[in-house]
Amino acid sequence: MAITSRTIIFSIFFLLVVGVGGILLQIFLSKKEGKWAGLILPIITFCASFIYLLNVANIGELSSVIMTIVSVFLLGNIPTVVLLGIYAVCKERRKKRRDLEKMSVQDLE
């Protein structure tokens, strides 16, 4: 019983560290000057969602299989949507900051 509790606690801690680390890495990459640096993690998670589809078993009816494939694809792309949201927010903030700098330079002239 104690081993199971420790395993669960360790697993939750590990997932939190990986999740927070991934979000912080995405923020760091999105703040980079280049466009492609912030798109690395979303591309990786999008490709991983196709790997999830390979694990869908044929369970009978075609409609059931199609619904399973669609739901696995949508659920597998939740991290992609989150990472793209972070990317969009960081790029928008950089654009606003750049526009303010241009305005301040124009005011000085």
C-alpha atoms as a PDB file:
ATOM      1  CA  MET A   1       0.000   0.000   0.000  1.00  0.00           C
ATOM      2  CA  ALA A   2       2.784   2.424   0.918  1.00  0.00           C
ATOM      3  CA  ILE A   3       4.678   1.610  -2.288  1.00  0.00           C
ATOM      4  CA  THR A   4       1.610   2.345  -4.388  1.00  0.00           C
ATOM      5  CA  SER A   5       1.066   5.680  -2.645  1.00  0.00           C
ATOM      6  CA  ARG A   6       4.674   6.687  -3.206  1.00  0.00           C
ATOM      7  CA  THR A   7       4.461   5.653  -6.847  1.00  0.00           C
ATOM      8  CA  ILE A   8       1.327   7.726  -7.390  1.00  0.00           C
ATOM      9  CA  ILE A   9       2.819  10.752  -5.648  1.00  0.00           C
ATOM     10  CA  PHE A  10       6.024  10.430  -7.666  1.00  0.00           C
ATOM     11  CA  SER A  11       4.059  10.092 -10.911  1.00  0.00           C
ATOM     12  CA  ILE A  12       1.977  13.182 -10.183  1.00  0.00           C
ATOM     13  CA  PHE A  13       5.089  15.157  -9.222  1.00  0.00           C
ATOM     14  CA  PHE A  14       6.877  14.018 -12.388  1.00  0.00           C
ATOM     15  CA  LEU A  15       3.935  14.992 -14.604  1.00  0.00           C
ATOM     16  CA  LEU A  16       3.718  18.414 -12.945  1.00  0.00           C
ATOM     17  CA  VAL A  17       7.438  19.033 -13.418  1.00  0.00           C
ATOM     18  CA  VAL A  18       7.295  17.966 -17.076  1.00  0.00           C
ATOM     19  CA  GLY A  19       4.141  20.025 -17.714  1.00  0.00           C
ATOM     20  CA  VAL A  20       5.424  23.184 -16.058  1.00  0.00           C
ATOM     21  CA  GLY A  21       8.834  22.702 -17.664  1.00  0.00           C
ATOM     22  CA  GLY A  22       7.227  22.350 -21.089  1.00  0.00           C
ATOM     23  CA  ILE A  23       5.179  25.507 -20.601  1.00  0.00           C
ATOM     24  CA  LEU A  24       8.225  27.463 -19.421  1.00  0.00           C
ATOM     25  CA  LEU A  25      10.248  26.149 -22.368  1.00  0.00           C
ATOM     26  CA  GLN A  26       7.460  27.195 -24.746  1.00  0.00           C
ATOM     27  CA  ILE A  27       7.389  30.696 -23.253  1.00  0.00           C
ATOM     28  CA  PHE A  28      11.172  30.938 -23.588  1.00  0.00           C
ATOM     29  CA  LEU A  29      11.138  29.748 -27.203  1.00  0.00           C
ATOM     30  CA  SER A  30       8.193  31.986 -28.115  1.00  0.00           C
ATOM     31  CA  LYS A  31      10.041  35.063 -26.878  1.00  0.00           C
ATOM     32  CA  LYS A  32      12.938  34.369 -29.233  1.00  0.00           C
ATOM     33  CA  GLU A  33      13.421  36.664 -32.199  1.00  0.00           C
ATOM     34  CA  GLY A  34      12.852  34.011 -34.868  1.00  0.00           C
ATOM     35  CA  LYS A  35       9.423  32.777 -35.870  1.00  0.00           C
ATOM     36  CA  TRP A  36      10.225  29.062 -35.924  1.00  0.00           C
ATOM     37  CA  ALA A  37      11.675  28.663 -32.433  1.00  0.00           C
ATOM     38  CA  GLY A  38       8.266  29.016 -30.806  1.00  0.00           C
ATOM     39  CA  LEU A  39       6.698  26.522 -33.195  1.00  0.00           C
ATOM     40  CA  ILE A  40       9.011  23.600 -32.327  1.00  0.00           C
ATOM     41  CA  LEU A  41       6.993  22.198 -29.418  1.00  0.00           C
ATOM     42  CA  PRO A  42       3.570  22.598 -31.101  1.00  0.00           C
ATOM     43  CA  ILE A  43       4.875  20.742 -34.170  1.00  0.00           C
ATOM     44  CA  ILE A  44       6.218  17.939 -31.967  1.00  0.00           C
ATOM     45  CA  THR A  45       2.931  17.560 -30.101  1.00  0.00           C
ATOM     46  CA  PHE A  46       0.962  17.645 -33.373  1.00  0.00           C
ATOM     47  CA  CYS A  47       3.108  14.844 -34.798  1.00  0.00           C
ATOM     48  CA  ALA A  48       2.701  12.886 -31.562  1.00  0.00           C
ATOM     49  CA  SER A  49      -1.073  13.070 -31.980  1.00  0.00           C
ATOM     50  CA  PHE A  50      -0.694  11.011 -35.159  1.00  0.00           C
ATOM     51  CA  ILE A  51       1.238   8.405 -33.200  1.00  0.00           C
ATOM     52  CA  TYR A  52      -1.695   8.198 -30.784  1.00  0.00           C
ATOM     53  CA  LEU A  53      -3.921   7.308 -33.741  1.00  0.00           C
ATOM     54  CA  LEU A  54      -1.823   4.224 -34.417  1.00  0.00           C
ATOM     55  CA  ASN A  55      -2.966   2.837 -31.073  1.00  0.00           C
ATOM     56  CA  VAL A  56      -6.666   2.900 -31.990  1.00  0.00           C
ATOM     57  CA  ALA A  57      -7.986  -0.650 -32.311  1.00  0.00           C
ATOM     58  CA  ASN A  58     -10.642  -1.803 -34.707  1.00  0.00           C
ATOM     59  CA  ILE A  59     -13.508  -2.470 -32.294  1.00  0.00           C
ATOM     60  CA  GLY A  60     -16.242  -3.347 -34.727  1.00  0.00           C
ATOM     61  CA  GLU A  61     -18.505  -0.903 -36.487  1.00  0.00           C
ATOM     62  CA  LEU A  62     -17.056   1.724 -38.775  1.00  0.00           C
ATOM     63  CA  SER A  63     -18.906   4.588 -37.092  1.00  0.00           C
ATOM     64  CA  SER A  64     -17.492   3.562 -33.716  1.00  0.00           C
ATOM     65  CA  VAL A  65     -13.970   3.452 -35.096  1.00  0.00           C
ATOM     66  CA  ILE A  66     -14.350   6.860 -36.762  1.00  0.00           C
ATOM     67  CA  MET A  67     -15.680   8.434 -33.553  1.00  0.00           C
ATOM     68  CA  THR A  68     -12.782   6.916 -31.620  1.00  0.00           C
ATOM     69  CA  ILE A  69     -10.245   8.230 -34.127  1.00  0.00           C
ATOM     70  CA  VAL A  70     -11.759  11.733 -34.067  1.00  0.00           C
ATOM     71  CA  SER A  71     -11.880  11.857 -30.270  1.00  0.00           C
ATOM     72  CA  VAL A  72      -8.301  10.560 -29.920  1.00  0.00           C
ATOM     73  CA  PHE A  73      -7.097  13.121 -32.447  1.00  0.00           C
ATOM     74  CA  LEU A  74      -8.914  15.994 -30.721  1.00  0.00           C
ATOM     75  CA  LEU A  75      -7.797  14.994 -27.235  1.00  0.00           C
ATOM     76  CA  GLY A  76      -4.250  14.398 -28.466  1.00  0.00           C
ATOM     77  CA  ASN A  77      -4.096  17.936 -29.824  1.00  0.00           C
ATOM     78  CA  ILE A  78      -5.054  19.707 -26.598  1.00  0.00           C
ATOM     79  CA  PRO A  79      -1.359  20.303 -25.785  1.00  0.00           C
ATOM     80  CA  THR A  80      -0.845  21.613 -29.326  1.00  0.00           C
ATOM     81  CA  VAL A  81      -3.635  24.162 -28.889  1.00  0.00           C
ATOM     82  CA  VAL A  82      -2.277  25.251 -25.487  1.00  0.00           C
ATOM     83  CA  LEU A  83       1.250  25.667 -26.844  1.00  0.00           C
ATOM     84  CA  LEU A  84      -0.003  27.600 -29.882  1.00  0.00           C
ATOM     85  CA  GLY A  85      -1.979  29.849 -27.527  1.00  0.00           C
ATOM     86  CA  ILE A  86       1.159  30.586 -25.535  1.00  0.00           C
ATOM     87  CA  TYR A  87       3.008  31.270 -28.787  1.00  0.00           C
ATOM     88  CA  ALA A  88       0.308  33.678 -29.980  1.00  0.00           C
ATOM     89  CA  VAL A  89       0.216  35.584 -26.673  1.00  0.00           C
ATOM     90  CA  CYS A  90       4.001  35.965 -26.545  1.00  0.00           C
ATOM     91  CA  LYS A  91       4.208  37.124 -30.161  1.00  0.00           C
ATOM     92  CA  GLU A  92       1.396  39.634 -29.635  1.00  0.00           C
ATOM     93  CA  ARG A  93       3.150  41.076 -26.584  1.00  0.00           C
ATOM     94  CA  ARG A  94       6.393  41.382 -28.561  1.00  0.00           C
ATOM     95  CA  LYS A  95       4.554  43.125 -31.379  1.00  0.00           C
ATOM     96  CA  LYS A  96       2.952  45.613 -28.976  1.00  0.00           C
ATOM     97  CA  ARG A  97       6.314  46.296 -27.324  1.00  0.00           C
ATOM     98  CA  ARG A  98       7.953  46.819 -30.728  1.00  0.00           C
ATOM     99  CA  ASP A  99       5.174  49.209 -31.775  1.00  0.00           C
ATOM    100  CA  LEU A 100       5.580  51.198 -28.533  1.00  0.00           C
ATOM    101  CA  GLU A 101       9.312  51.441 -29.147  1.00  0.00           C
ATOM    102  CA  LYS A 102       8.658  52.745 -32.672  1.00  0.00           C
ATOM    103  CA  MET A 103       6.231  55.325 -31.302  1.00  0.00           C
ATOM    104  CA  SER A 104       8.699  56.484 -28.673  1.00  0.00           C
ATOM    105  CA  VAL A 105      11.442  56.833 -31.290  1.00  0.00           C
ATOM    106  CA  GLN A 106       9.109  58.854 -33.498  1.00  0.00           C
ATOM    107  CA  ASP A 107       8.223  61.111 -30.546  1.00  0.00           C
ATOM    108  CA  LEU A 108      11.902  61.797 -29.925  1.00  0.00           C
ATOM    109  CA  GLU A 109      12.502  62.894 -33.504  1.00  0.00           C
END
